[in-house]
Amino acid sequence: MKRIKTIDAVGHVLCHDITQIIKDQKKGVVFKKGHVVREEDIPILLSVGKENLYVWEKQEGMLHEDEGAQILCEICKNEYMISTEAREGKIEIFAQRDGLFKLDIDRLYQINNLGDMIIATRHGNTSVKKGDKLAGTRVIPLIIEEEKMKKAQQIANNKPIMKLLPFRHKKVGIVTTGSEVYKGRIKDTFGPVIIEKLEEYDTEILGQTLVDDDRIMIVDSIMKYIEKGADLVICTGGMSVDPDDRTPAAIRDTGAEIITYGAPVLPGAMLLLSYYKDGQRKIPILGLPGCVMYSKRTVFDILLPRIMADDPIAKSDISKLGVGGLCLNCEICIYPNCGFGKGI
C-alpha cells in the first residue's frame, strides 16, 4: 500500500475503514476498506480530517474485488434479470418477471471450486416471482488474480449459467377417473385442488370430465381435450397398480410417449409423465397420484413450473429428484426454514 493525497485518490482502493464522528449525531464507518474512491467522496474525506489516505497500489495481473464481482455477475446474469451495483466485492441478482429459474449446476460447481470467489443461488427448476433474489456473487479477498477470474470466464464460455424462462399461457383439460366419482357415490375433491394450483399460473380450464374406470372412455376424454386445443391434460385417479385402475394404460393407448411411471419423490411416487405429439406440439399428459388431493406439496408442485414454462422433462430429470426426494415431508433437511413442504 502507499500514502497519497486525498485530492489525488479518485479511482484508488482504500486500505482501511474511514470513520466519521458528528457529535450527538453519528459515529461510524463512512467508507469501508476496499472502497473505490469517487470524485464525490473527496469533500467527505476531507471533512473527517483525511488529508492523506493509504491505498492499494495497482498491481499488474490483479483485480479489485468489485471488478471480480462484476465478472461473476456477467457469468450469471441473463435475460429478465437485474443486478445491484458492486459493493465490497458483492453483487445480487433479481428476477425482473415471473418465471422458471434454471441453473447450470455443473458449471456453478466448477467456478466455486476455483477458490477466492463464490456464486450462491436459489435451487434450479423452481418457480420465481418478479423481484425474487436469484443469486449473490462475492469475491472473498480485497484483490484477486486476474488469471483466476479468466478461468471462471472460460468455464462460463460466454454463456450465462442462469436462465429465467417465462411461463406460457396454457389451456388445460382435466380427466377424473373412478367409478365411485363417475357414478355419484362420492363427490370429487381432486378437481378443485388441481384448479387451485393452476390458478397460480396463466391458465384457461377447458373443463373437467368425470369418467368410469374404462380405458376407452379415458382415452376418448383425453383426445377430446387435445382436439379442443389443450396444451396440458391432467388425469386424476386410477394411478395405482390395482386391477381396476386403468389410467396409466389409457394414457399409453393415446400414443403418448411415456417418460416415466413412478418418481423418487415422497409424496408422489405414482406419478406418470408423458408427451403426446400433435404436429409440432408436444402436449404433456400427466397422471397424478392420489396424494396430490390431500398433501400440501407433492411431486406435482415440482414439475408444474417446468411444464408451464415449456421446459422439456426427461427421464434423467425425474431420476435426479431422488436427491432430496423426502424434502416435501421435511423429515430430513439442511434448509429447515425453507417452508416448502411445511404447509406455508
Protein backbone atom coordinates (compact mmCIF):
# COMPACT_ATOMS: atom_id res chain seq x y z
CA MET A 1 0.00 0.00 0.00
CA LYS A 2 1.02 3.61 -0.40
CA ARG A 3 0.22 7.02 1.09
CA ILE A 4 -1.26 9.62 -1.27
CA LYS A 5 -3.00 12.96 -1.00
CA THR A 6 -6.75 12.65 -0.69
CA ILE A 7 -7.35 15.05 -3.56
CA ASP A 8 -5.44 12.61 -5.80
CA ALA A 9 -7.23 9.47 -4.56
CA VAL A 10 -10.03 9.13 -7.12
CA GLY A 11 -10.04 5.58 -8.51
CA HIS A 12 -7.84 4.21 -5.73
CA VAL A 13 -8.83 1.49 -3.24
CA LEU A 14 -8.88 2.24 0.47
CA CYS A 15 -6.72 0.02 2.69
CA HIS A 16 -8.66 0.77 5.87
CA ASP A 17 -12.05 1.90 7.18
CA ILE A 18 -12.73 5.64 7.39
CA THR A 19 -14.73 6.70 10.46
CA GLN A 20 -16.93 9.76 10.68
CA ILE A 21 -17.87 11.29 14.03
CA ILE A 22 -20.52 14.01 14.34
CA LYS A 23 -21.19 14.99 17.95
CA ASP A 24 -24.57 13.80 19.23
CA GLN A 25 -25.49 12.58 15.74
CA LYS A 26 -23.25 9.93 14.29
CA LYS A 27 -20.24 7.77 14.89
CA GLY A 28 -19.43 5.04 12.44
CA VAL A 29 -17.72 3.89 9.28
CA VAL A 30 -18.42 6.20 6.35
CA PHE A 31 -16.17 4.34 3.87
CA LYS A 32 -15.13 0.72 4.31
CA LYS A 33 -11.87 -0.95 3.49
CA GLY A 34 -11.87 -1.82 -0.19
CA HIS A 35 -13.99 1.17 -1.24
CA VAL A 36 -13.01 2.72 -4.57
CA VAL A 37 -12.74 6.47 -4.04
CA ARG A 38 -15.02 8.60 -6.24
CA GLU A 39 -14.92 12.31 -7.00
CA GLU A 40 -17.92 12.98 -4.77
CA ASP A 41 -16.16 11.23 -1.85
CA ILE A 42 -13.33 13.78 -1.66
CA PRO A 43 -15.24 16.50 0.29
CA ILE A 44 -16.46 13.92 2.81
CA LEU A 45 -12.96 12.52 3.32
CA LEU A 46 -11.56 15.99 3.83
CA SER A 47 -14.36 16.84 6.27
CA VAL A 48 -13.31 13.96 8.54
CA GLY A 49 -9.74 15.18 8.56
CA LYS A 50 -8.25 12.87 5.96
CA GLU A 51 -5.77 14.99 4.04
CA ASN A 52 -3.93 11.77 3.10
CA LEU A 53 -5.04 8.18 2.55
CA TYR A 54 -3.46 4.77 2.47
CA VAL A 55 -4.50 3.00 -0.73
CA TRP A 56 -3.67 -0.21 -2.50
CA GLU A 57 -1.15 0.07 -5.25
CA LYS A 58 -2.49 -1.24 -8.54
CA GLN A 59 -0.64 -4.42 -9.35
CA GLU A 60 -0.31 -5.90 -12.79
CA GLY A 61 -2.45 -9.02 -13.09
CA MET A 62 -4.60 -8.23 -10.02
CA LEU A 63 -8.23 -7.06 -9.92
CA HIS A 64 -10.15 -5.22 -7.22
CA GLU A 65 -12.90 -7.24 -5.52
CA ASP A 66 -15.63 -5.16 -7.19
CA GLU A 67 -14.13 -5.83 -10.63
CA GLY A 68 -14.13 -9.54 -9.85
CA ALA A 69 -17.70 -9.44 -8.59
CA GLN A 70 -18.79 -7.77 -11.83
CA ILE A 71 -17.20 -10.61 -13.82
CA LEU A 72 -19.07 -13.16 -11.71
CA CYS A 73 -22.29 -11.23 -12.24
CA GLU A 74 -21.79 -11.33 -16.02
CA ILE A 75 -21.20 -15.08 -15.77
CA CYS A 76 -24.59 -15.48 -14.05
CA LYS A 77 -26.88 -12.76 -15.34
CA ASN A 78 -29.21 -13.44 -18.24
CA GLU A 79 -32.36 -12.09 -19.86
CA TYR A 80 -35.16 -10.94 -17.49
CA MET A 81 -32.66 -10.32 -14.65
CA ILE A 82 -31.39 -7.17 -12.93
CA SER A 83 -28.36 -6.72 -10.68
CA THR A 84 -27.20 -4.36 -7.95
CA GLU A 85 -24.02 -2.33 -8.17
CA ALA A 86 -20.83 -3.96 -6.91
CA ARG A 87 -20.19 -3.17 -3.26
CA GLU A 88 -17.45 -4.70 -1.11
CA GLY A 89 -16.99 -7.42 -3.71
CA LYS A 90 -20.69 -8.36 -3.69
CA ILE A 91 -23.46 -8.19 -6.30
CA GLU A 92 -27.01 -9.54 -6.03
CA ILE A 93 -29.21 -10.58 -8.95
CA PHE A 94 -33.01 -10.39 -9.00
CA ALA A 95 -35.82 -11.60 -11.29
CA GLN A 96 -37.45 -8.95 -13.48
CA ARG A 97 -40.50 -11.14 -14.16
CA ASP A 98 -42.23 -14.32 -13.02
CA GLY A 99 -40.79 -17.49 -14.49
CA LEU A 100 -38.89 -20.75 -14.15
CA PHE A 101 -35.39 -20.38 -12.74
CA LYS A 102 -32.84 -22.61 -14.49
CA LEU A 103 -29.29 -23.22 -13.32
CA ASP A 104 -26.28 -24.99 -14.83
CA ILE A 105 -25.12 -26.74 -11.66
CA ASP A 106 -22.02 -28.35 -13.20
CA ARG A 107 -20.52 -25.01 -14.26
CA LEU A 108 -21.52 -23.45 -10.94
CA TYR A 109 -19.59 -26.15 -9.07
CA GLN A 110 -16.54 -25.68 -11.28
CA ILE A 111 -16.45 -21.91 -10.71
CA ASN A 112 -16.94 -22.16 -6.95
CA ASN A 113 -14.17 -24.76 -6.85
CA LEU A 114 -11.64 -22.21 -8.16
CA GLY A 115 -11.47 -20.59 -4.72
CA ASP A 116 -11.49 -16.93 -3.60
CA MET A 117 -14.87 -16.41 -5.26
CA ILE A 118 -18.42 -17.63 -4.72
CA ILE A 119 -21.72 -17.75 -6.56
CA ALA A 120 -24.66 -18.58 -4.29
CA THR A 121 -28.03 -19.23 -5.96
CA ARG A 122 -31.51 -20.49 -5.20
CA HIS A 123 -32.39 -24.02 -6.33
CA GLY A 124 -32.82 -24.51 -10.07
CA ASN A 125 -36.06 -25.65 -11.74
CA THR A 126 -38.10 -23.56 -9.31
CA SER A 127 -40.83 -21.00 -9.78
CA VAL A 128 -39.89 -17.40 -9.01
CA LYS A 129 -41.78 -14.14 -8.81
CA LYS A 130 -40.72 -10.73 -10.09
CA GLY A 131 -38.35 -9.23 -7.51
CA ASP A 132 -37.17 -12.54 -6.06
CA LYS A 133 -33.45 -12.79 -5.38
CA LEU A 134 -31.86 -15.33 -7.71
CA ALA A 135 -28.19 -15.21 -6.77
CA GLY A 136 -25.41 -13.40 -4.97
CA THR A 137 -21.79 -13.20 -6.15
CA ARG A 138 -18.80 -12.42 -3.97
CA VAL A 139 -15.04 -12.14 -4.31
CA ILE A 140 -13.50 -13.09 -0.96
CA PRO A 141 -10.17 -11.19 -0.87
CA LEU A 142 -9.79 -7.45 -1.47
CA ILE A 143 -7.86 -8.14 -4.65
CA ILE A 144 -7.87 -11.29 -6.78
CA GLU A 145 -5.69 -12.68 -9.55
CA GLU A 146 -6.94 -11.67 -12.97
CA GLU A 147 -5.91 -15.10 -14.26
CA LYS A 148 -8.26 -16.80 -11.78
CA MET A 149 -11.17 -14.68 -13.00
CA LYS A 150 -10.28 -15.58 -16.59
CA LYS A 151 -10.57 -19.26 -15.64
CA ALA A 152 -14.09 -18.58 -14.36
CA GLN A 153 -14.94 -16.88 -17.66
CA GLN A 154 -13.53 -19.84 -19.59
CA ILE A 155 -15.77 -22.20 -17.64
CA ALA A 156 -18.77 -20.00 -18.42
CA ASN A 157 -17.76 -19.96 -22.09
CA ASN A 158 -19.75 -16.78 -22.87
CA LYS A 159 -23.00 -18.46 -21.82
CA PRO A 160 -24.67 -17.38 -18.54
CA ILE A 161 -25.09 -20.18 -16.04
CA MET A 162 -28.60 -18.95 -15.11
CA LYS A 163 -31.80 -18.61 -17.15
CA LEU A 164 -35.30 -17.37 -16.42
CA LEU A 165 -37.90 -18.93 -18.69
CA PRO A 166 -41.23 -17.07 -18.89
CA PHE A 167 -44.38 -19.00 -18.06
CA ARG A 168 -46.71 -19.59 -21.01
CA HIS A 169 -50.49 -19.38 -21.27
CA LYS A 170 -51.91 -22.91 -21.11
CA LYS A 171 -55.27 -24.39 -21.97
CA VAL A 172 -55.85 -27.30 -19.59
CA GLY A 173 -58.21 -30.26 -19.64
CA ILE A 174 -58.84 -32.38 -16.53
CA VAL A 175 -59.93 -36.01 -16.72
CA THR A 176 -61.02 -37.54 -13.42
CA THR A 177 -61.16 -41.33 -13.31
CA GLY A 178 -63.03 -43.52 -10.85
CA SER A 179 -66.31 -45.37 -10.79
CA GLU A 180 -67.08 -44.05 -7.31
CA VAL A 181 -66.99 -40.45 -8.59
CA TYR A 182 -68.44 -41.18 -12.05
CA LYS A 183 -71.48 -42.95 -10.56
CA GLY A 184 -72.02 -40.27 -7.94
CA ARG A 185 -71.23 -42.40 -4.90
CA ILE A 186 -68.79 -39.78 -3.63
CA LYS A 187 -68.11 -36.15 -4.51
CA ASP A 188 -64.98 -35.34 -6.49
CA THR A 189 -62.43 -33.48 -4.36
CA PHE A 190 -59.50 -33.82 -6.76
CA GLY A 191 -60.60 -31.26 -9.36
CA PRO A 192 -60.76 -28.24 -7.01
CA VAL A 193 -57.22 -28.94 -5.77
CA ILE A 194 -55.85 -29.05 -9.31
CA ILE A 195 -57.69 -25.92 -10.36
CA GLU A 196 -56.42 -24.03 -7.31
CA LYS A 197 -52.81 -24.91 -8.16
CA LEU A 198 -53.31 -23.95 -11.82
CA GLU A 199 -54.68 -20.56 -10.78
CA GLU A 200 -51.14 -19.59 -9.75
CA TYR A 201 -50.33 -19.50 -13.48
CA ASP A 202 -51.81 -18.09 -16.68
CA THR A 203 -54.21 -20.94 -17.47
CA GLU A 204 -57.59 -21.48 -19.08
CA ILE A 205 -59.51 -24.51 -17.78
CA LEU A 206 -61.26 -26.14 -20.73
CA GLY A 207 -63.26 -28.35 -18.40
CA GLN A 208 -63.24 -31.38 -16.13
CA THR A 209 -64.59 -34.71 -17.39
CA LEU A 210 -65.63 -37.48 -14.99
CA VAL A 211 -65.12 -40.97 -16.42
CA ASP A 212 -65.56 -44.57 -15.31
CA ASP A 213 -62.64 -46.99 -14.88
CA ASP A 214 -62.79 -47.75 -18.59
CA ARG A 215 -59.72 -47.42 -20.83
CA ILE A 216 -61.67 -46.47 -23.95
CA MET A 217 -63.65 -43.81 -22.10
CA ILE A 218 -60.46 -42.34 -20.58
CA VAL A 219 -58.66 -42.27 -23.94
CA ASP A 220 -61.68 -40.65 -25.60
CA SER A 221 -61.85 -37.91 -22.94
CA ILE A 222 -58.13 -37.13 -23.24
CA MET A 223 -58.29 -36.91 -27.03
CA LYS A 224 -61.35 -34.64 -26.95
CA TYR A 225 -59.38 -32.10 -24.90
CA ILE A 226 -56.46 -32.30 -27.31
CA GLU A 227 -58.88 -31.69 -30.20
CA LYS A 228 -60.14 -28.61 -28.32
CA GLY A 229 -56.57 -27.24 -28.29
CA ALA A 230 -55.44 -28.30 -24.82
CA ASP A 231 -51.77 -27.54 -24.07
CA LEU A 232 -51.87 -29.80 -21.00
CA VAL A 233 -54.09 -32.70 -19.95
CA ILE A 234 -54.17 -33.77 -16.31
CA CYS A 235 -55.60 -37.14 -15.34
CA THR A 236 -56.56 -37.75 -11.72
CA GLY A 237 -57.43 -41.04 -10.08
CA GLY A 238 -56.78 -44.65 -11.05
CA MET A 239 -52.97 -44.38 -10.84
CA SER A 240 -52.14 -47.29 -8.52
CA VAL A 241 -51.36 -50.88 -9.52
CA ASP A 242 -54.81 -52.16 -8.54
CA PRO A 243 -56.50 -54.22 -11.31
CA ASP A 244 -59.36 -51.68 -11.56
CA ASP A 245 -57.03 -48.71 -12.04
CA ARG A 246 -56.86 -48.10 -15.80
CA THR A 247 -55.45 -44.58 -16.15
CA PRO A 248 -51.79 -45.43 -16.95
CA ALA A 249 -52.80 -47.91 -19.64
CA ALA A 250 -55.27 -45.43 -21.13
CA ILE A 251 -52.63 -42.69 -21.34
CA ARG A 252 -50.36 -45.16 -23.11
CA ASP A 253 -53.21 -46.04 -25.51
CA THR A 254 -53.37 -42.41 -26.70
CA GLY A 255 -49.98 -42.94 -28.36
CA ALA A 256 -48.24 -40.58 -25.95
CA GLU A 257 -44.57 -41.17 -25.18
CA ILE A 258 -44.30 -42.33 -21.57
CA ILE A 259 -41.38 -40.54 -19.91
CA THR A 260 -41.88 -42.17 -16.53
CA TYR A 261 -44.40 -44.07 -14.48
CA GLY A 262 -43.03 -43.56 -11.00
CA ALA A 263 -40.92 -40.83 -9.41
CA PRO A 264 -38.42 -40.96 -6.49
CA VAL A 265 -40.35 -38.35 -4.51
CA LEU A 266 -42.49 -38.80 -1.42
CA PRO A 267 -45.31 -37.92 -1.59
CA GLY A 268 -45.83 -38.52 -5.29
CA ALA A 269 -44.22 -41.85 -6.19
CA MET A 270 -47.01 -42.98 -8.55
CA LEU A 271 -46.68 -40.05 -10.96
CA LEU A 272 -46.98 -40.66 -14.70
CA LEU A 273 -45.47 -38.15 -17.14
CA SER A 274 -45.94 -38.42 -20.89
CA TYR A 275 -45.92 -36.25 -24.02
CA TYR A 276 -48.42 -36.52 -26.86
CA LYS A 277 -47.15 -35.30 -30.22
CA ASP A 278 -49.71 -33.26 -32.14
CA GLY A 279 -47.97 -31.93 -35.24
CA GLN A 280 -45.24 -29.61 -33.97
CA ARG A 281 -46.72 -29.55 -30.46
CA LYS A 282 -45.71 -31.83 -27.62
CA ILE A 283 -48.57 -31.88 -25.15
CA PRO A 284 -47.86 -33.09 -21.60
CA ILE A 285 -50.31 -35.66 -20.28
CA LEU A 286 -49.97 -36.20 -16.54
CA GLY A 287 -51.33 -38.99 -14.40
CA LEU A 288 -51.41 -37.68 -10.85
CA PRO A 289 -51.26 -39.92 -7.77
CA GLY A 290 -53.92 -39.64 -5.08
CA CYS A 291 -51.59 -37.83 -2.66
CA VAL A 292 -51.95 -34.63 -4.71
CA MET A 293 -55.52 -34.46 -3.42
CA TYR A 294 -54.59 -34.19 0.26
CA SER A 295 -50.86 -33.32 0.59
CA LYS A 296 -49.89 -29.65 0.59
CA ARG A 297 -46.85 -30.23 -1.63
CA THR A 298 -46.07 -33.21 -3.88
CA VAL A 299 -44.08 -34.11 -6.97
CA PHE A 300 -46.74 -32.25 -8.98
CA ASP A 301 -45.60 -28.96 -7.46
CA ILE A 302 -42.01 -29.70 -8.50
CA LEU A 303 -42.84 -30.44 -12.13
CA LEU A 304 -45.65 -27.93 -12.76
CA PRO A 305 -43.37 -24.84 -13.09
CA ARG A 306 -41.32 -26.62 -15.76
CA ILE A 307 -44.43 -27.65 -17.65
CA MET A 308 -45.80 -24.10 -17.52
CA ALA A 309 -42.53 -22.77 -18.99
CA ASP A 310 -42.40 -25.37 -21.81
CA ASP A 311 -39.22 -26.82 -20.33
CA PRO A 312 -38.94 -30.44 -21.59
CA ILE A 313 -38.61 -33.02 -18.81
CA ALA A 314 -36.54 -36.14 -19.44
CA LYS A 315 -36.41 -39.44 -17.57
CA SER A 316 -32.99 -38.45 -16.17
CA ASP A 317 -34.54 -35.28 -14.70
CA ILE A 318 -37.06 -37.39 -12.82
CA SER A 319 -34.35 -39.74 -11.52
CA LYS A 320 -32.39 -36.81 -10.08
CA LEU A 321 -35.36 -35.86 -7.91
CA GLY A 322 -34.38 -38.74 -5.61
CA VAL A 323 -31.78 -36.45 -4.02
CA GLY A 324 -34.00 -34.50 -1.64
CA GLY A 325 -36.93 -36.74 -2.54
CA LEU A 326 -38.01 -36.69 1.11
CA CYS A 327 -37.82 -32.90 1.22
CA LEU A 328 -41.54 -32.49 0.77
CA ASN A 329 -42.11 -34.22 4.10
CA CYS A 330 -39.38 -32.10 5.74
CA GLU A 331 -38.13 -35.16 7.61
CA ILE A 332 -34.51 -34.60 6.60
CA CYS A 333 -33.49 -31.12 5.54
CA ILE A 334 -30.41 -28.90 5.68
CA TYR A 335 -32.65 -25.90 4.96
CA PRO A 336 -35.03 -26.09 7.96
CA ASN A 337 -36.56 -22.66 7.33
CA CYS A 338 -37.34 -23.03 3.62
CA GLY A 339 -41.01 -23.74 4.32
CA PHE A 340 -41.61 -25.57 1.01
CA GLY A 341 -43.15 -28.71 2.47
CA LYS A 342 -44.39 -27.34 5.78
CA GLY A 343 -47.75 -26.07 4.62
CA ILE A 344 -46.54 -22.47 4.40
